[in-house]
Protein backbone atom coordinates (compact mmCIF):
# COMPACT_ATOMS: atom_id res chain seq x y z
CA MET A 1 144.32 94.12 95.81
CA THR A 2 143.45 97.48 94.26
CA LYS A 3 141.70 97.79 90.96
CA LYS A 4 143.39 100.00 88.36
CA ASN A 5 141.31 102.63 86.64
CA TYR A 6 141.84 102.48 82.91
CA GLN A 7 140.64 105.26 80.68
CA HIS A 8 140.07 105.08 76.93
CA LEU A 9 141.92 107.46 74.66
CA SER A 10 139.91 110.51 73.72
CA GLN A 11 139.43 111.64 70.13
CA SER A 12 141.80 114.56 70.75
CA GLU A 13 144.47 112.15 72.03
CA ARG A 14 144.02 109.95 68.96
CA HIS A 15 144.36 113.04 66.78
CA ALA A 16 147.55 114.03 68.63
CA ILE A 17 148.96 110.53 68.08
CA ALA A 18 148.21 110.69 64.35
CA LEU A 19 149.78 114.14 64.13
CA GLY A 20 152.86 112.98 66.03
CA LEU A 21 153.28 110.00 63.71
CA GLN A 22 152.98 112.26 60.65
CA GLN A 23 155.72 114.45 62.13
CA LYS A 24 157.91 111.34 62.59
CA GLN A 25 157.92 111.67 66.40
CA SER A 26 158.88 108.61 68.41
CA LEU A 27 156.25 106.71 70.35
CA SER A 28 158.07 107.69 73.53
CA ALA A 29 157.88 111.38 72.67
CA ILE A 30 154.17 111.14 71.85
CA ALA A 31 153.50 109.23 75.08
CA ARG A 32 155.41 111.79 77.14
CA ALA A 33 153.48 114.68 75.56
CA LEU A 34 150.14 113.00 76.30
CA GLY A 35 151.07 111.73 79.75
CA ARG A 36 150.38 108.13 78.70
CA CYS A 37 152.42 104.94 78.71
CA LYS A 38 154.42 104.13 75.60
CA SER A 39 152.61 100.77 75.38
CA THR A 40 149.25 102.56 75.17
CA ILE A 41 150.46 104.57 72.19
CA SER A 42 151.94 101.45 70.62
CA ARG A 43 148.65 99.53 70.93
CA GLU A 44 146.77 102.43 69.38
CA CYS A 45 149.18 102.46 66.41
CA GLU A 46 149.06 98.70 65.81
CA PRO A 47 145.86 98.63 63.68
CA VAL A 48 147.15 101.57 61.64
CA ARG A 49 150.43 99.82 60.89
CA ASN A 50 148.63 96.63 59.84
CA PHE A 51 146.31 98.59 57.55
CA VAL A 52 149.21 100.43 55.91
CA CYS A 53 151.15 97.19 55.43
CA GLU A 54 148.19 95.50 53.74
CA ALA A 55 147.60 98.35 51.27
């Protein structure tokens, strides 16, 4: 069994995600632009969505 190498999102990637969301880009489009999985982008957006919903 091989171990997968996971890498945290960098600050610049997080900034790009925030910018993409402000521009109403889809999660798929943001993921494609960053070369990441859509699920990675989705997990990063989850806390933001919860915060906005609670406000």
